[in-house]
PDB file of N, CA and C in Angstrom:
ATOM      1  N   MET A   1     108.473 106.872 118.984  1.00  0.00           N
ATOM      2  CA  MET A   1     108.848 106.603 120.369  1.00  0.00           C
ATOM      3  C   MET A   1     107.614 106.319 121.226  1.00  0.00           C
ATOM      4  N   THR A   2     106.541 107.058 120.999  1.00  0.00           N
ATOM      5  CA  THR A   2     105.317 106.862 121.775  1.00  0.00           C
ATOM      6  C   THR A   2     104.736 105.478 121.518  1.00  0.00           C
ATOM      7  N   ASN A   3     104.818 105.004 120.265  1.00  0.00           N
ATOM      8  CA  ASN A   3     104.293 103.675 119.950  1.00  0.00           C
ATOM      9  C   ASN A   3     105.060 102.584 120.687  1.00  0.00           C
ATOM     10  N   ILE A   4     106.357 102.754 120.801  1.00  0.00           N
ATOM     11  CA  ILE A   4     107.170 101.765 121.504  1.00  0.00           C
ATOM     12  C   ILE A   4     106.803 101.732 122.982  1.00  0.00           C
ATOM     13  N   LEU A   5     106.644 102.898 123.587  1.00  0.00           N
ATOM     14  CA  LEU A   5     106.257 102.949 125.003  1.00  0.00           C
ATOM     15  C   LEU A   5     104.881 102.331 125.211  1.00  0.00           C
ATOM     16  N   GLY A   6     103.962 102.588 124.305  1.00  0.00           N
ATOM     17  CA  GLY A   6     102.628 102.008 124.386  1.00  0.00           C
ATOM     18  C   GLY A   6     102.663 100.494 124.302  1.00  0.00           C
ATOM     19  N   LEU A   7     103.502  99.968 123.410  1.00  0.00           N
ATOM     20  CA  LEU A   7     103.637  98.518 123.284  1.00  0.00           C
ATOM     21  C   LEU A   7     104.270  97.902 124.518  1.00  0.00           C
ATOM     22  N   ILE A   8     105.232  98.607 125.107  1.00  0.00           N
ATOM     23  CA  ILE A   8     105.867  98.114 126.335  1.00  0.00           C
ATOM     24  C   ILE A   8     104.853  98.057 127.471  1.00  0.00           C
ATOM     25  N   VAL A   9     104.060  99.113 127.613  1.00  0.00           N
ATOM     26  CA  VAL A   9     103.034  99.135 128.663  1.00  0.00           C
ATOM     27  C   VAL A   9     102.012  98.034 128.415  1.00  0.00           C
ATOM     28  N   LEU A  10     101.600  97.862 127.164  1.00  0.00           N
ATOM     29  CA  LEU A  10     100.641  96.802 126.837  1.00  0.00           C
ATOM     30  C   LEU A  10     101.204  95.425 127.179  1.00  0.00           C
ATOM     31  N   ALA A  11     102.453  95.186 126.839  1.00  0.00           N
ATOM     32  CA  ALA A  11     103.081  93.904 127.147  1.00  0.00           C
ATOM     33  C   ALA A  11     103.152  93.688 128.660  1.00  0.00           C
ATOM     34  N   LEU A  12     103.480  94.733 129.411  1.00  0.00           N
ATOM     35  CA  LEU A  12     103.546  94.613 130.870  1.00  0.00           C
ATOM     36  C   LEU A  12     102.168  94.351 131.473  1.00  0.00           C
ATOM     37  N   VAL A  13     101.135  94.980 130.920  1.00  0.00           N
ATOM     38  CA  VAL A  13      99.773  94.762 131.410  1.00  0.00           C
ATOM     39  C   VAL A  13      99.355  93.313 131.162  1.00  0.00           C
ATOM     40  N   VAL A  14      99.619  92.812 129.971  1.00  0.00           N
ATOM     41  CA  VAL A  14      99.277  91.418 129.660  1.00  0.00           C
ATOM     42  C   VAL A  14     100.049  90.473 130.584  1.00  0.00           C
ATOM     43  N   TYR A  15     101.326  90.736 130.774  1.00  0.00           N
ATOM     44  CA  TYR A  15     102.155  89.916 131.669  1.00  0.00           C
ATOM     45  C   TYR A  15     101.596  89.947 133.090  1.00  0.00           C
ATOM     46  N   ALA A  16     101.224  91.116 133.578  1.00  0.00           N
ATOM     47  CA  ALA A  16     100.671  91.241 134.926  1.00  0.00           C
ATOM     48  C   ALA A  16      99.356  90.479 135.050  1.00  0.00           C
ATOM     49  N   ILE A  17      98.505  90.567 134.038  1.00  0.00           N
ATOM     50  CA  ILE A  17      97.223  89.859 134.085  1.00  0.00           C
ATOM     51  C   ILE A  17      97.446  88.355 134.155  1.00  0.00           C
ATOM     52  N   VAL A  18      98.394  87.850 133.378  1.00  0.00           N
ATOM     53  CA  VAL A  18      98.692  86.415 133.417  1.00  0.00           C
ATOM     54  C   VAL A  18      99.195  86.010 134.804  1.00  0.00           C
ATOM     55  N   LEU A  19     100.102  86.799 135.376  1.00  0.00           N
ATOM     56  CA  LEU A  19     100.616  86.475 136.711  1.00  0.00           C
ATOM     57  C   LEU A  19      99.529  86.579 137.776  1.00  0.00           C
ATOM     58  N   ILE A  20      98.662  87.564 137.654  1.00  0.00           N
ATOM     59  CA  ILE A  20      97.558  87.704 138.614  1.00  0.00           C
ATOM     60  C   ILE A  20      96.638  86.497 138.512  1.00  0.00           C
ATOM     61  N   ALA A  21      96.308  86.099 137.288  1.00  0.00           N
ATOM     62  CA  ALA A  21      95.405  84.960 137.094  1.00  0.00           C
ATOM     63  C   ALA A  21      96.001  83.669 137.646  1.00  0.00           C
ATOM     64  N   ARG A  22      97.318  83.517 137.594  1.00  0.00           N
ATOM     65  CA  ARG A  22      97.984  82.310 138.092  1.00  0.00           C
ATOM     66  C   ARG A  22      98.269  82.354 139.593  1.00  0.00           C
ATOM     67  N   SER A  23      98.076  83.495 140.215  1.00  0.00           N
ATOM     68  CA  SER A  23      98.418  83.641 141.626  1.00  0.00           C
ATOM     69  C   SER A  23      97.462  82.843 142.512  1.00  0.00           C
ATOM     70  N   GLY A  24      97.835  82.715 143.750  1.00  0.00           N
ATOM     71  CA  GLY A  24      97.022  81.986 144.705  1.00  0.00           C
ATOM     72  C   GLY A  24      95.981  82.848 145.404  1.00  0.00           C
ATOM     73  N   ALA A  25      95.799  84.060 144.931  1.00  0.00           N
ATOM     74  CA  ALA A  25      94.826  84.971 145.542  1.00  0.00           C
ATOM     75  C   ALA A  25      93.407  84.473 145.284  1.00  0.00           C
ATOM     76  N   SER A  26      92.476  84.981 146.068  1.00  0.00           N
ATOM     77  CA  SER A  26      91.075  84.604 145.865  1.00  0.00           C
ATOM     78  C   SER A  26      90.568  85.209 144.552  1.00  0.00           C
ATOM     79  N   THR A  27      89.458  84.687 144.073  1.00  0.00           N
ATOM     80  CA  THR A  27      88.895  85.160 142.806  1.00  0.00           C
ATOM     81  C   THR A  27      88.560  86.639 142.876  1.00  0.00           C
ATOM     82  N   GLY A  28      88.011  87.084 143.980  1.00  0.00           N
ATOM     83  CA  GLY A  28      87.672  88.496 144.132  1.00  0.00           C
ATOM     84  C   GLY A  28      88.890  89.398 144.071  1.00  0.00           C
ATOM     85  N   GLU A  29      89.958  88.977 144.741  1.00  0.00           N
ATOM     86  CA  GLU A  29      91.194  89.759 144.712  1.00  0.00           C
ATOM     87  C   GLU A  29      91.773  89.806 143.305  1.00  0.00           C
ATOM     88  N   LYS A  30      91.732  88.676 142.610  1.00  0.00           N
ATOM     89  CA  LYS A  30      92.244  88.633 141.240  1.00  0.00           C
ATOM     90  C   LYS A  30      91.481  89.610 140.350  1.00  0.00           C
ATOM     91  N   ILE A  31      90.166  89.609 140.474  1.00  0.00           N
ATOM     92  CA  ILE A  31      89.339  90.504 139.651  1.00  0.00           C
ATOM     93  C   ILE A  31      89.673  91.956 139.954  1.00  0.00           C
ATOM     94  N   LEU A  32      89.786  92.296 141.238  1.00  0.00           N
ATOM     95  CA  LEU A  32      90.111  93.676 141.598  1.00  0.00           C
ATOM     96  C   LEU A  32      91.477  94.093 141.068  1.00  0.00           C
ATOM     97  N   TRP A  33      92.486  93.233 141.156  1.00  0.00           N
ATOM     98  CA  TRP A  33      93.809  93.569 140.647  1.00  0.00           C
ATOM     99  C   TRP A  33      93.791  93.728 139.131  1.00  0.00           C
ATOM    100  N   ILE A  34      93.090  92.839 138.450  1.00  0.00           N
ATOM    101  CA  ILE A  34      93.027  92.940 136.987  1.00  0.00           C
ATOM    102  C   ILE A  34      92.319  94.220 136.574  1.00  0.00           C
ATOM    103  N   VAL A  35      91.222  94.566 137.235  1.00  0.00           N
ATOM    104  CA  VAL A  35      90.513  95.811 136.910  1.00  0.00           C
ATOM    105  C   VAL A  35      91.422  97.016 137.151  1.00  0.00           C
ATOM    106  N   LEU A  36      92.151  97.019 138.250  1.00  0.00           N
ATOM    107  CA  LEU A  36      93.063  98.126 138.548  1.00  0.00           C
ATOM    108  C   LEU A  36      94.132  98.264 137.471  1.00  0.00           C
ATOM    109  N   VAL A  37      94.733  97.147 137.082  1.00  0.00           N
ATOM    110  CA  VAL A  37      95.807  97.180 136.085  1.00  0.00           C
ATOM    111  C   VAL A  37      95.269  97.606 134.714  1.00  0.00           C
ATOM    112  N   VAL A  38      94.050  97.203 134.378  1.00  0.00           N
ATOM    113  CA  VAL A  38      93.487  97.551 133.072  1.00  0.00           C
ATOM    114  C   VAL A  38      93.045  99.012 133.037  1.00  0.00           C
ATOM    115  N   LEU A  39      92.414  99.494 134.105  1.00  0.00           N
ATOM    116  CA  LEU A  39      91.905 100.869 134.111  1.00  0.00           C
ATOM    117  C   LEU A  39      93.002 101.915 134.304  1.00  0.00           C
ATOM    118  N   LEU A  40      94.011 101.593 135.092  1.00  0.00           N
ATOM    119  CA  LEU A  40      95.120 102.514 135.350  1.00  0.00           C
ATOM    120  C   LEU A  40      96.430 101.794 135.031  1.00  0.00           C
ATOM    121  N   PRO A  41      96.758 101.637 133.759  1.00  0.00           N
ATOM    122  CA  PRO A  41      97.878 100.759 133.389  1.00  0.00           C
ATOM    123  C   PRO A  41      99.193 101.062 134.099  1.00  0.00           C
ATOM    124  N   VAL A  42      99.688 102.254 134.027  1.00  0.00           N
ATOM    125  CA  VAL A  42     101.006 102.537 134.599  1.00  0.00           C
ATOM    126  C   VAL A  42     100.933 102.543 136.126  1.00  0.00           C
ATOM    127  N   LEU A  43     100.016 103.287 136.685  1.00  0.00           N
ATOM    128  CA  LEU A  43      99.869 103.346 138.141  1.00  0.00           C
ATOM    129  C   LEU A  43      99.455 101.992 138.696  1.00  0.00           C
ATOM    130  N   GLY A  44      98.553 101.314 138.002  1.00  0.00           N
ATOM    131  CA  GLY A  44      98.108  99.996 138.435  1.00  0.00           C
ATOM    132  C   GLY A  44      99.241  98.982 138.467  1.00  0.00           C
ATOM    133  N   LEU A  45     100.128  99.043 137.468  1.00  0.00           N
ATOM    134  CA  LEU A  45     101.278  98.139 137.447  1.00  0.00           C
ATOM    135  C   LEU A  45     102.216  98.408 138.619  1.00  0.00           C
ATOM    136  N   ILE A  46     102.417  99.668 138.920  1.00  0.00           N
ATOM    137  CA  ILE A  46     103.300 100.017 140.036  1.00  0.00           C
ATOM    138  C   ILE A  46     102.705  99.536 141.352  1.00  0.00           C
ATOM    139  N   ILE A  47     101.424  99.812 141.560  1.00  0.00           N
ATOM    140  CA  ILE A  47     100.760  99.390 142.801  1.00  0.00           C
ATOM    141  C   ILE A  47     100.757  97.868 142.899  1.00  0.00           C
ATOM    142  N   TRP A  48     100.453  97.188 141.791  1.00  0.00           N
ATOM    143  CA  TRP A  48     100.432  95.732 141.790  1.00  0.00           C
ATOM    144  C   TRP A  48     101.814  95.170 142.106  1.00  0.00           C
ATOM    145  N   ALA A  49     102.853  95.754 141.534  1.00  0.00           N
ATOM    146  CA  ALA A  49     104.215  95.266 141.775  1.00  0.00           C
ATOM    147  C   ALA A  49     104.605  95.426 143.244  1.00  0.00           C
ATOM    148  N   LEU A  50     104.113  96.479 143.872  1.00  0.00           N
ATOM    149  CA  LEU A  50     104.462  96.729 145.266  1.00  0.00           C
ATOM    150  C   LEU A  50     103.572  95.986 146.261  1.00  0.00           C
ATOM    151  N   LEU A  51     102.289  95.856 145.946  1.00  0.00           N
ATOM    152  CA  LEU A  51     101.347  95.330 146.938  1.00  0.00           C
ATOM    153  C   LEU A  51     100.551  94.116 146.499  1.00  0.00           C
ATOM    154  N   GLY A  52     100.691  93.695 145.256  1.00  0.00           N
ATOM    155  CA  GLY A  52      99.885  92.597 144.720  1.00  0.00           C
ATOM    156  C   GLY A  52     100.316  91.241 145.223  1.00  0.00           C
ATOM    157  N   PRO A  53      99.575  90.201 144.798  1.00  0.00           N
ATOM    158  CA  PRO A  53      99.919  88.843 145.213  1.00  0.00           C
ATOM    159  C   PRO A  53     101.355  88.494 144.820  1.00  0.00           C
ATOM    160  N   GLY A  54     102.116  87.990 145.770  1.00  0.00           N
ATOM    161  CA  GLY A  54     103.491  87.593 145.516  1.00  0.00           C
ATOM    162  C   GLY A  54     104.501  88.703 145.578  1.00  0.00           C
ATOM    163  N   SER A  55     104.064  89.918 145.909  1.00  0.00           N
ATOM    164  CA  SER A  55     105.009  91.023 145.972  1.00  0.00           C
ATOM    165  C   SER A  55     105.840  90.937 147.250  1.00  0.00           C
ATOM    166  N   PRO A  56     107.041  91.461 147.217  1.00  0.00           N
ATOM    167  CA  PRO A  56     107.902  91.365 148.402  1.00  0.00           C
ATOM    168  C   PRO A  56     107.388  92.183 149.589  1.00  0.00           C
ATOM    169  N   LEU A  57     106.626  93.236 149.363  1.00  0.00           N
ATOM    170  CA  LEU A  57     106.151  94.078 150.457  1.00  0.00           C
ATOM    171  C   LEU A  57     104.916  93.520 151.152  1.00  0.00           C
ATOM    172  N   LYS A  58     104.233  92.581 150.536  1.00  0.00           N
ATOM    173  CA  LYS A  58     102.986  92.066 151.102  1.00  0.00           C
ATOM    174  C   LYS A  58     103.208  90.937 152.107  1.00  0.00           C
ATOM    175  N   GLN A  59     104.392  90.439 152.251  1.00  0.00           N
ATOM    176  CA  GLN A  59     104.644  89.291 153.130  1.00  0.00           C
ATOM    177  C   GLN A  59     104.541  89.638 154.584  1.00  0.00           C
TER     178      GLN A  59
END
């Protein structure tokens, strides 16, 4: 079960990095978001989903 959760988190991190890289944010913002998502995978994904480029709360 732990391996499945780890793979799901890894897939979500990769997906988030791809979306961050494709976003219209500045290069500095992209780097900061990617570092956050990589260093704090679960918390970083939640914060990115709520406040990152293209999120509904950031408009």
